[in-house]
Amino acid sequence: MAFILLQAAPTGSTPMVYNILLWVAVIGVFYFFMIRPQQKKQKDQKNFVENLKKGDSVVTVGGLHGRVASVDGPTVTLEVDRGVKMTFEKSSIARELSTKTE
């Protein structure tokens, strides 16, 4: 008897609408958990770099720590030690150096 039931054809198939809804759900999950947070992070980084001002302590992409000495258009001059100044592109500034310990 069980052998006959296993050979029986399925009575219904999944409608195409359910497949479309599944793909919409997958795309929605990708958007809200991957794409949207990345866009927000990029926007925050752009705002941070555009609002750099003299005296901010920052870290470059290469890991160099310094204090902003001046901002001139697309470049930033960092003072890394007394009397030692280096010029970087604004895009090479990774983050603000926080005084909090994590």
C-alpha atoms as a PDB file:
ATOM      1  CA  MET A   1       0.000   0.000   0.000  1.00  0.00           C
ATOM      2  CA  ALA A   2       2.795   2.420   0.913  1.00  0.00           C
ATOM      3  CA  PHE A   3       4.481   1.699  -2.409  1.00  0.00           C
ATOM      4  CA  ILE A   4       1.358   2.789  -4.290  1.00  0.00           C
ATOM      5  CA  LEU A   5       1.152   6.044  -2.296  1.00  0.00           C
ATOM      6  CA  LEU A   6       4.769   6.885  -3.083  1.00  0.00           C
ATOM      7  CA  GLN A   7       4.099   6.520  -6.814  1.00  0.00           C
ATOM      8  CA  ALA A   8       1.093   8.819  -6.747  1.00  0.00           C
ATOM      9  CA  ALA A   9       1.559  12.100  -8.573  1.00  0.00           C
ATOM     10  CA  PRO A  10       1.303  15.238  -6.472  1.00  0.00           C
ATOM     11  CA  THR A  11      -2.183  16.697  -6.539  1.00  0.00           C
ATOM     12  CA  GLY A  12      -1.139  20.334  -6.839  1.00  0.00           C
ATOM     13  CA  SER A  13       1.929  22.356  -7.679  1.00  0.00           C
ATOM     14  CA  THR A  14       3.193  25.579  -6.208  1.00  0.00           C
ATOM     15  CA  PRO A  15       1.678  28.478  -8.119  1.00  0.00           C
ATOM     16  CA  MET A  16       4.021  30.892  -9.830  1.00  0.00           C
ATOM     17  CA  VAL A  17       2.821  33.657  -7.512  1.00  0.00           C
ATOM     18  CA  TYR A  18       4.475  31.965  -4.531  1.00  0.00           C
ATOM     19  CA  ASN A  19       7.768  31.747  -6.407  1.00  0.00           C
ATOM     20  CA  ILE A  20       7.601  35.438  -7.242  1.00  0.00           C
ATOM     21  CA  LEU A  21       6.775  36.310  -3.621  1.00  0.00           C
ATOM     22  CA  LEU A  22       9.720  34.220  -2.456  1.00  0.00           C
ATOM     23  CA  TRP A  23      12.107  36.130  -4.751  1.00  0.00           C
ATOM     24  CA  VAL A  24      10.677  39.475  -3.624  1.00  0.00           C
ATOM     25  CA  ALA A  25      11.221  38.427  -0.005  1.00  0.00           C
ATOM     26  CA  VAL A  26      14.821  37.367  -0.712  1.00  0.00           C
ATOM     27  CA  ILE A  27      15.576  40.654  -2.468  1.00  0.00           C
ATOM     28  CA  GLY A  28      13.949  42.560   0.408  1.00  0.00           C
ATOM     29  CA  VAL A  29      16.107  40.772   2.964  1.00  0.00           C
ATOM     30  CA  PHE A  30      19.258  41.525   0.961  1.00  0.00           C
ATOM     31  CA  TYR A  31      18.271  45.188   0.684  1.00  0.00           C
ATOM     32  CA  PHE A  32      17.427  45.746   4.351  1.00  0.00           C
ATOM     33  CA  PHE A  33      20.265  43.691   5.839  1.00  0.00           C
ATOM     34  CA  MET A  34      23.112  44.280   3.371  1.00  0.00           C
ATOM     35  CA  ILE A  35      22.638  47.126   0.912  1.00  0.00           C
ATOM     36  CA  ARG A  36      20.882  49.723   3.077  1.00  0.00           C
ATOM     37  CA  PRO A  37      23.339  49.541   6.029  1.00  0.00           C
ATOM     38  CA  GLN A  38      26.290  49.814   3.637  1.00  0.00           C
ATOM     39  CA  GLN A  39      24.790  52.906   1.992  1.00  0.00           C
ATOM     40  CA  LYS A  40      24.207  54.456   5.431  1.00  0.00           C
ATOM     41  CA  LYS A  41      27.810  53.723   6.435  1.00  0.00           C
ATOM     42  CA  GLN A  42      29.123  55.335   3.231  1.00  0.00           C
ATOM     43  CA  LYS A  43      26.931  58.394   3.788  1.00  0.00           C
ATOM     44  CA  ASP A  44      28.150  58.755   7.389  1.00  0.00           C
ATOM     45  CA  GLN A  45      31.797  58.418   6.277  1.00  0.00           C
ATOM     46  CA  LYS A  46      31.312  61.063   3.577  1.00  0.00           C
ATOM     47  CA  ASN A  47      29.726  63.467   6.080  1.00  0.00           C
ATOM     48  CA  PHE A  48      32.567  62.837   8.549  1.00  0.00           C
ATOM     49  CA  VAL A  49      35.253  63.553   5.950  1.00  0.00           C
ATOM     50  CA  GLU A  50      33.478  66.679   4.684  1.00  0.00           C
ATOM     51  CA  ASN A  51      33.155  68.063   8.236  1.00  0.00           C
ATOM     52  CA  LEU A  52      36.775  67.622   9.293  1.00  0.00           C
ATOM     53  CA  LYS A  53      38.123  70.635  11.144  1.00  0.00           C
ATOM     54  CA  LYS A  54      41.369  71.738  12.717  1.00  0.00           C
ATOM     55  CA  GLY A  55      42.077  69.941  15.979  1.00  0.00           C
ATOM     56  CA  ASP A  56      40.222  66.684  15.241  1.00  0.00           C
ATOM     57  CA  SER A  57      42.139  63.528  16.129  1.00  0.00           C
ATOM     58  CA  VAL A  58      41.875  61.014  13.294  1.00  0.00           C
ATOM     59  CA  VAL A  59      43.214  57.700  12.023  1.00  0.00           C
ATOM     60  CA  THR A  60      44.123  57.207   8.366  1.00  0.00           C
ATOM     61  CA  VAL A  61      43.369  54.133   6.275  1.00  0.00           C
ATOM     62  CA  GLY A  62      47.000  53.090   6.752  1.00  0.00           C
ATOM     63  CA  GLY A  63      46.709  53.311  10.545  1.00  0.00           C
ATOM     64  CA  LEU A  64      48.530  56.608  11.086  1.00  0.00           C
ATOM     65  CA  HIS A  65      47.238  58.573  14.084  1.00  0.00           C
ATOM     66  CA  GLY A  66      47.352  62.343  14.019  1.00  0.00           C
ATOM     67  CA  ARG A  67      45.641  65.644  14.704  1.00  0.00           C
ATOM     68  CA  VAL A  68      44.245  67.748  11.848  1.00  0.00           C
ATOM     69  CA  ALA A  69      46.463  70.812  11.410  1.00  0.00           C
ATOM     70  CA  SER A  70      44.673  72.225   8.362  1.00  0.00           C
ATOM     71  CA  VAL A  71      42.097  71.358   5.740  1.00  0.00           C
ATOM     72  CA  ASP A  72      42.767  72.625   2.210  1.00  0.00           C
ATOM     73  CA  GLY A  73      40.176  71.508  -0.352  1.00  0.00           C
ATOM     74  CA  PRO A  74      40.675  67.790  -1.059  1.00  0.00           C
ATOM     75  CA  THR A  75      43.713  67.480   1.235  1.00  0.00           C
ATOM     76  CA  VAL A  76      44.223  67.354   4.988  1.00  0.00           C
ATOM     77  CA  THR A  77      47.457  68.125   6.804  1.00  0.00           C
ATOM     78  CA  LEU A  78      47.969  65.992   9.899  1.00  0.00           C
ATOM     79  CA  GLU A  79      50.360  66.729  12.714  1.00  0.00           C
ATOM     80  CA  VAL A  80      51.694  63.347  13.774  1.00  0.00           C
ATOM     81  CA  ASP A  81      54.276  64.680  16.252  1.00  0.00           C
ATOM     82  CA  ARG A  82      55.523  68.094  17.331  1.00  0.00           C
ATOM     83  CA  GLY A  83      56.701  69.802  14.177  1.00  0.00           C
ATOM     84  CA  VAL A  84      56.032  66.768  11.950  1.00  0.00           C
ATOM     85  CA  LYS A  85      53.219  67.396   9.485  1.00  0.00           C
ATOM     86  CA  MET A  86      52.038  65.132   6.689  1.00  0.00           C
ATOM     87  CA  THR A  87      49.545  65.830   3.921  1.00  0.00           C
ATOM     88  CA  PHE A  88      46.880  63.276   2.975  1.00  0.00           C
ATOM     89  CA  GLU A  89      43.863  63.115   0.721  1.00  0.00           C
ATOM     90  CA  LYS A  90      40.576  63.478   2.590  1.00  0.00           C
ATOM     91  CA  SER A  91      39.506  60.078   1.289  1.00  0.00           C
ATOM     92  CA  SER A  92      42.377  58.440   3.200  1.00  0.00           C
ATOM     93  CA  ILE A  93      40.922  59.457   6.577  1.00  0.00           C
ATOM     94  CA  ALA A  94      39.257  56.355   8.010  1.00  0.00           C
ATOM     95  CA  ARG A  95      37.757  57.419  11.313  1.00  0.00           C
ATOM     96  CA  GLU A  96      37.906  59.769  14.256  1.00  0.00           C
ATOM     97  CA  LEU A  97      40.227  58.757  17.053  1.00  0.00           C
ATOM     98  CA  SER A  98      37.990  58.314  20.057  1.00  0.00           C
ATOM     99  CA  THR A  99      39.262  58.647  23.595  1.00  0.00           C
ATOM    100  CA  LYS A 100      36.887  55.877  24.761  1.00  0.00           C
ATOM    101  CA  THR A 101      38.293  52.429  25.339  1.00  0.00           C
ATOM    102  CA  GLU A 102      36.346  49.706  23.599  1.00  0.00           C
END
